[in-house]
Amino acid sequence: MAGSTGDIPESARKLVGKVAVITGGASGIGECTARLFVTHGARVVVADIQDDAGARLCAELGEENASYVHCDVTVEDDVAAAVDHAVARFGALDVMFNNAGIGGAPCHSVLESTKANFERVLAVNLTGPFLGTKHAARLMVGRGGGCIIATSSLAAVVVGAASHAYTCAKRGLIALTENAATELGRHGIRVNCVSPAAAATPLATGYVGMEGEAFEAAMEAVANLKGVRLRVEDIAAAVLFLASDDARYVSGHNLIIDGGFSVGNPSLGIFKD
């Protein structure tokens, strides 16, 4: 069974006995993370609006390891129900991964952007994680600890790479992470986010209208780190690190997964051949 706990030895599993909720868990980064978490001994609630895909994934992972719940992250009752489902089904909530997101309309000019699209992107990409953080903390405070992680984006760090709506939402998510980490640390709750460069997820490829190999080749052409292509597995591995005890003193951190792209200015040209 793909993602089963038998794939790696007990001693190497990093999330044994942990329970996680993953929003946007039916595809892309969320799906890959759900599989990896289960491999490392966690039980996972996949929360998404893609009901068929979410149900198939959980059936594949096994009902003892995964459970699907319909969740629109812009609806507070849905988010509250998702975290409550984790406790009802698996007895706890240890990790909240606020991963659900949308790209919005592929319009880059502020002159042509619409208020409706701007508000929709912020509702999913920023208000959704706020609600996830709120309701995860509601359960974690009483337990004396937990871990909350969100998916931001390299677009929040290197501007001009995405629409105004997407950039603002993902930049705001970093601020939410830092603010929540400051408040919740006294309760033993760690709050972090990841900011990956573009990997070939349905969101990213759909936004640019480019698939698979062509998308990865285009990203590699502008990447700083050569000889390797960013995959969703790399992002899931970073989330696993933040969720595990390996990161037990890491909080308020934005983990950038970009192969060093954001730290340099290639236009200066001093390292060119």
Protein backbone atom coordinates (compact mmCIF):
# COMPACT_ATOMS: atom_id res chain seq x y z
CA MET A 1 0.00 0.00 0.00
CA ALA A 2 1.51 3.34 -1.06
CA GLY A 3 2.29 5.50 1.92
CA SER A 4 1.85 2.66 4.43
CA THR A 5 3.89 2.70 7.62
CA GLY A 6 5.62 -0.48 6.53
CA ASP A 7 7.66 1.43 3.94
CA ILE A 8 10.34 2.51 6.46
CA PRO A 9 11.54 0.98 9.74
CA GLU A 10 9.90 2.03 13.00
CA SER A 11 13.09 3.68 14.26
CA ALA A 12 13.20 6.01 11.24
CA ARG A 13 9.60 7.21 11.44
CA LYS A 14 9.29 10.81 12.58
CA LEU A 15 5.56 11.15 13.32
CA VAL A 16 4.61 7.93 15.09
CA GLY A 17 1.39 8.45 17.06
CA LYS A 18 0.79 11.95 15.68
CA VAL A 19 -2.46 13.16 14.13
CA ALA A 20 -2.44 15.77 11.36
CA VAL A 21 -5.01 17.77 9.42
CA ILE A 22 -3.96 18.77 5.91
CA THR A 23 -6.10 21.28 4.04
CA GLY A 24 -5.86 21.01 0.29
CA GLY A 25 -4.73 17.47 0.97
CA ALA A 26 -6.29 15.76 -2.03
CA SER A 27 -3.73 16.85 -4.62
CA GLY A 28 -0.37 18.51 -5.17
CA ILE A 29 1.75 19.38 -2.14
CA GLY A 30 -1.01 18.33 0.24
CA GLU A 31 -1.41 14.86 -1.26
CA CYS A 32 2.33 14.25 -1.29
CA THR A 33 2.60 15.41 2.33
CA ALA A 34 -0.30 13.18 3.40
CA ARG A 35 1.45 10.17 1.88
CA LEU A 36 4.75 11.07 3.54
CA PHE A 37 3.14 11.68 6.93
CA VAL A 38 1.44 8.29 6.86
CA THR A 39 4.73 6.65 5.88
CA HIS A 40 6.22 8.23 9.00
CA GLY A 41 3.53 6.86 11.27
CA ALA A 42 1.00 9.70 11.41
CA ARG A 43 -2.74 9.44 10.98
CA VAL A 44 -4.06 12.08 8.65
CA VAL A 45 -7.30 13.95 8.03
CA VAL A 46 -7.40 15.08 4.40
CA ALA A 47 -9.54 18.22 4.20
CA ASP A 48 -10.44 19.44 0.72
CA ILE A 49 -13.26 20.34 -1.65
CA GLN A 50 -12.12 17.69 -4.16
CA ASP A 51 -14.31 14.99 -2.67
CA ASP A 52 -13.62 12.18 -5.14
CA ALA A 53 -9.85 12.69 -5.13
CA GLY A 54 -9.75 13.00 -1.35
CA ALA A 55 -11.81 9.87 -0.81
CA ARG A 56 -9.64 7.88 -3.24
CA LEU A 57 -6.46 9.00 -1.52
CA CYS A 58 -7.72 8.03 1.92
CA ALA A 59 -8.93 4.66 0.64
CA GLU A 60 -5.46 4.04 -0.77
CA LEU A 61 -3.75 5.07 2.47
CA GLY A 62 -6.12 2.89 4.50
CA GLU A 63 -8.96 3.81 6.83
CA GLU A 64 -6.76 3.13 9.83
CA ASN A 65 -4.36 5.84 8.61
CA ALA A 66 -6.45 8.47 6.84
CA SER A 67 -9.91 10.02 6.81
CA TYR A 68 -11.43 12.47 4.36
CA VAL A 69 -13.60 15.45 5.26
CA HIS A 70 -15.09 18.04 2.91
CA CYS A 71 -13.70 21.44 3.84
CA ASP A 72 -13.97 24.83 2.16
CA VAL A 73 -11.32 26.79 4.04
CA THR A 74 -13.21 30.05 3.54
CA VAL A 75 -16.10 28.66 5.62
CA GLU A 76 -15.28 28.77 9.33
CA ASP A 77 -17.72 26.01 10.23
CA ASP A 78 -15.99 23.69 7.73
CA VAL A 79 -12.56 24.40 9.20
CA ALA A 80 -13.79 23.94 12.76
CA ALA A 81 -15.44 20.66 11.76
CA ALA A 82 -12.24 19.40 10.12
CA VAL A 83 -10.12 19.83 13.24
CA ASP A 84 -12.91 18.43 15.42
CA HIS A 85 -13.09 15.42 13.08
CA ALA A 86 -9.42 14.71 13.76
CA VAL A 87 -10.13 14.42 17.48
CA ALA A 88 -13.32 12.41 16.97
CA ARG A 89 -11.72 10.00 14.50
CA PHE A 90 -8.16 9.69 15.79
CA GLY A 91 -8.27 11.14 19.31
CA ALA A 92 -6.02 14.20 18.96
CA LEU A 93 -4.66 16.99 16.80
CA ASP A 94 -0.89 17.38 16.80
CA VAL A 95 -0.15 18.96 13.42
CA MET A 96 -2.19 21.44 11.37
CA PHE A 97 -0.95 21.97 7.82
CA ASN A 98 -2.73 24.96 6.27
CA ASN A 99 -1.94 24.13 2.68
CA ALA A 100 -5.08 24.82 0.61
CA GLY A 101 -4.61 27.57 -1.95
CA ILE A 102 -5.60 28.94 -5.33
CA GLY A 103 -3.78 30.93 -7.98
CA GLY A 104 -6.71 33.08 -8.96
CA ALA A 105 -7.17 34.71 -12.34
CA PRO A 106 -3.91 34.88 -14.34
CA CYS A 107 -3.97 38.68 -14.49
CA HIS A 108 -0.78 40.48 -13.48
CA SER A 109 -1.67 44.12 -14.08
CA VAL A 110 -3.15 46.06 -11.17
CA LEU A 111 -5.04 48.07 -13.78
CA GLU A 112 -6.90 44.98 -14.97
CA SER A 113 -7.27 43.07 -11.69
CA THR A 114 -10.76 42.81 -10.25
CA LYS A 115 -11.82 43.33 -6.66
CA ALA A 116 -13.74 40.05 -6.73
CA ASN A 117 -10.67 38.03 -7.74
CA PHE A 118 -8.46 39.83 -5.22
CA GLU A 119 -10.88 39.09 -2.40
CA ARG A 120 -11.35 35.47 -3.46
CA VAL A 121 -7.60 34.78 -3.50
CA LEU A 122 -7.15 36.39 -0.08
CA ALA A 123 -10.12 34.45 1.29
CA VAL A 124 -8.62 31.08 0.35
CA ASN A 125 -4.90 31.81 0.71
CA LEU A 126 -4.91 34.01 3.83
CA THR A 127 -8.25 33.87 5.63
CA GLY A 128 -8.27 30.08 5.25
CA PRO A 129 -4.94 29.64 7.06
CA PHE A 130 -6.08 32.16 9.69
CA LEU A 131 -9.14 30.01 10.38
CA GLY A 132 -7.03 26.86 10.40
CA THR A 133 -4.61 28.43 12.86
CA LYS A 134 -7.46 29.65 15.06
CA HIS A 135 -9.24 26.33 15.33
CA ALA A 136 -6.09 24.23 15.59
CA ALA A 137 -4.93 26.45 18.44
CA ARG A 138 -8.33 26.06 20.08
CA LEU A 139 -7.59 22.36 20.50
CA MET A 140 -3.82 22.57 21.00
CA VAL A 141 -3.82 25.12 23.82
CA GLY A 142 -5.64 22.70 26.09
CA ARG A 143 -3.22 19.89 25.21
CA GLY A 144 -0.15 21.99 25.95
CA GLY A 145 1.43 21.90 22.53
CA GLY A 146 1.22 21.25 18.83
CA CYS A 147 2.54 22.33 15.48
CA ILE A 148 0.95 24.60 12.87
CA ILE A 149 2.46 24.92 9.40
CA ALA A 150 1.31 26.92 6.37
CA THR A 151 2.21 26.96 2.70
CA SER A 152 3.37 30.41 1.65
CA SER A 153 5.36 30.95 -1.55
CA LEU A 154 8.60 32.25 -2.99
CA ALA A 155 6.33 34.86 -4.59
CA ALA A 156 6.03 36.41 -1.12
CA VAL A 157 9.80 36.84 -0.93
CA VAL A 158 10.74 37.68 -4.52
CA VAL A 159 8.04 40.00 -5.80
CA GLY A 160 6.99 40.30 -9.42
CA ALA A 161 6.59 36.54 -9.79
CA ALA A 162 2.80 36.31 -9.37
CA SER A 163 -0.38 38.36 -9.32
CA HIS A 164 -0.95 41.14 -6.79
CA ALA A 165 -3.60 39.08 -5.04
CA TYR A 166 -1.46 35.96 -4.72
CA THR A 167 1.63 37.91 -3.65
CA CYS A 168 -0.26 39.88 -1.00
CA ALA A 169 -1.93 36.77 0.40
CA LYS A 170 1.30 34.80 0.65
CA ARG A 171 3.24 37.75 2.14
CA GLY A 172 0.46 38.19 4.68
CA LEU A 173 0.69 34.50 5.53
CA ILE A 174 4.30 34.95 6.62
CA ALA A 175 3.22 37.77 8.94
CA LEU A 176 0.40 35.60 10.31
CA THR A 177 2.93 32.83 10.96
CA GLU A 178 5.25 35.15 12.88
CA ASN A 179 2.47 36.78 14.87
CA ALA A 180 0.83 33.47 15.78
CA ALA A 181 4.20 31.99 16.78
CA THR A 182 4.70 34.93 19.13
CA GLU A 183 1.30 34.46 20.77
CA LEU A 184 1.14 30.68 20.89
CA GLY A 185 4.68 29.89 22.00
CA ARG A 186 3.67 30.22 25.64
CA HIS A 187 1.34 27.27 25.07
CA GLY A 188 4.07 25.10 23.56
CA ILE A 189 2.68 25.54 20.04
CA ARG A 190 5.15 25.99 17.19
CA VAL A 191 4.04 27.94 14.10
CA ASN A 192 6.04 27.95 10.87
CA CYS A 193 5.56 28.21 7.12
CA VAL A 194 7.26 27.05 3.96
CA SER A 195 7.85 29.24 0.91
CA PRO A 196 8.65 27.00 -2.05
CA ALA A 197 9.57 27.98 -5.56
CA ALA A 198 7.24 26.67 -8.23
CA ALA A 199 6.93 22.90 -8.46
CA ALA A 200 4.78 21.04 -10.99
CA THR A 201 1.56 21.03 -8.96
CA PRO A 202 -1.91 21.32 -10.51
CA LEU A 203 -2.11 24.89 -9.16
CA ALA A 204 1.20 26.01 -10.67
CA THR A 205 0.92 24.26 -14.03
CA GLY A 206 -2.68 25.33 -14.45
CA TYR A 207 -1.78 28.94 -13.71
CA VAL A 208 0.91 29.17 -16.38
CA GLY A 209 -0.68 26.75 -18.85
CA MET A 210 2.38 24.51 -19.03
CA GLU A 211 2.57 20.85 -18.04
CA GLY A 212 5.03 18.40 -16.50
CA GLU A 213 8.42 18.22 -18.17
CA ALA A 214 8.04 21.56 -19.96
CA PHE A 215 7.16 23.30 -16.70
CA GLU A 216 10.08 21.78 -14.81
CA ALA A 217 12.51 22.62 -17.63
CA ALA A 218 11.33 26.23 -17.64
CA MET A 219 11.81 26.50 -13.87
CA GLU A 220 15.25 24.88 -14.04
CA ALA A 221 16.36 27.35 -16.71
CA VAL A 222 15.98 30.28 -14.30
CA ALA A 223 16.97 28.43 -11.12
CA ASN A 224 20.07 29.24 -9.11
CA LEU A 225 20.74 25.63 -8.10
CA LYS A 226 21.49 23.57 -11.19
CA GLY A 227 21.41 19.82 -11.67
CA VAL A 228 18.27 19.27 -9.61
CA ARG A 229 14.63 20.12 -10.15
CA LEU A 230 12.26 21.08 -7.35
CA ARG A 231 9.62 18.40 -6.83
CA VAL A 232 6.61 18.28 -4.54
CA GLU A 233 8.46 15.57 -2.59
CA ASP A 234 11.08 18.15 -1.62
CA ILE A 235 8.40 20.45 -0.26
CA ALA A 236 6.69 17.63 1.62
CA ALA A 237 10.05 16.69 3.17
CA ALA A 238 10.47 20.24 4.46
CA VAL A 239 6.98 20.13 5.98
CA LEU A 240 7.81 16.78 7.58
CA PHE A 241 10.90 18.33 9.18
CA LEU A 242 8.90 21.21 10.63
CA ALA A 243 6.21 18.84 11.90
CA SER A 244 8.69 16.49 13.56
CA ASP A 245 10.66 16.67 16.79
CA ASP A 246 13.73 17.42 14.67
CA ALA A 247 12.35 20.98 14.59
CA ARG A 248 11.19 21.07 18.21
CA TYR A 249 12.80 24.49 18.82
CA VAL A 250 11.93 25.98 15.44
CA SER A 251 9.04 28.46 15.51
CA GLY A 252 8.18 31.68 13.71
CA HIS A 253 10.29 30.56 10.76
CA ASN A 254 9.66 30.88 7.04
CA LEU A 255 11.53 27.99 5.42
CA ILE A 256 12.36 29.05 1.87
CA ILE A 257 12.71 26.15 -0.56
CA ASP A 258 14.19 27.78 -3.63
CA GLY A 259 17.72 26.46 -4.15
CA GLY A 260 19.20 29.79 -3.13
CA PHE A 261 17.33 31.81 -5.76
CA SER A 262 16.16 34.54 -3.38
CA VAL A 263 19.51 35.28 -1.73
CA GLY A 264 21.37 36.49 -4.80
CA ASN A 265 21.11 39.14 -7.48
CA PRO A 266 22.26 37.53 -10.73
CA SER A 267 22.07 40.86 -12.54
CA LEU A 268 25.29 41.87 -10.75
CA GLY A 269 27.01 39.19 -12.79
CA ILE A 270 30.20 38.67 -10.79
CA PHE A 271 29.83 34.88 -10.73
CA LYS A 272 29.05 34.42 -14.42
CA ASP A 273 31.34 32.24 -16.51
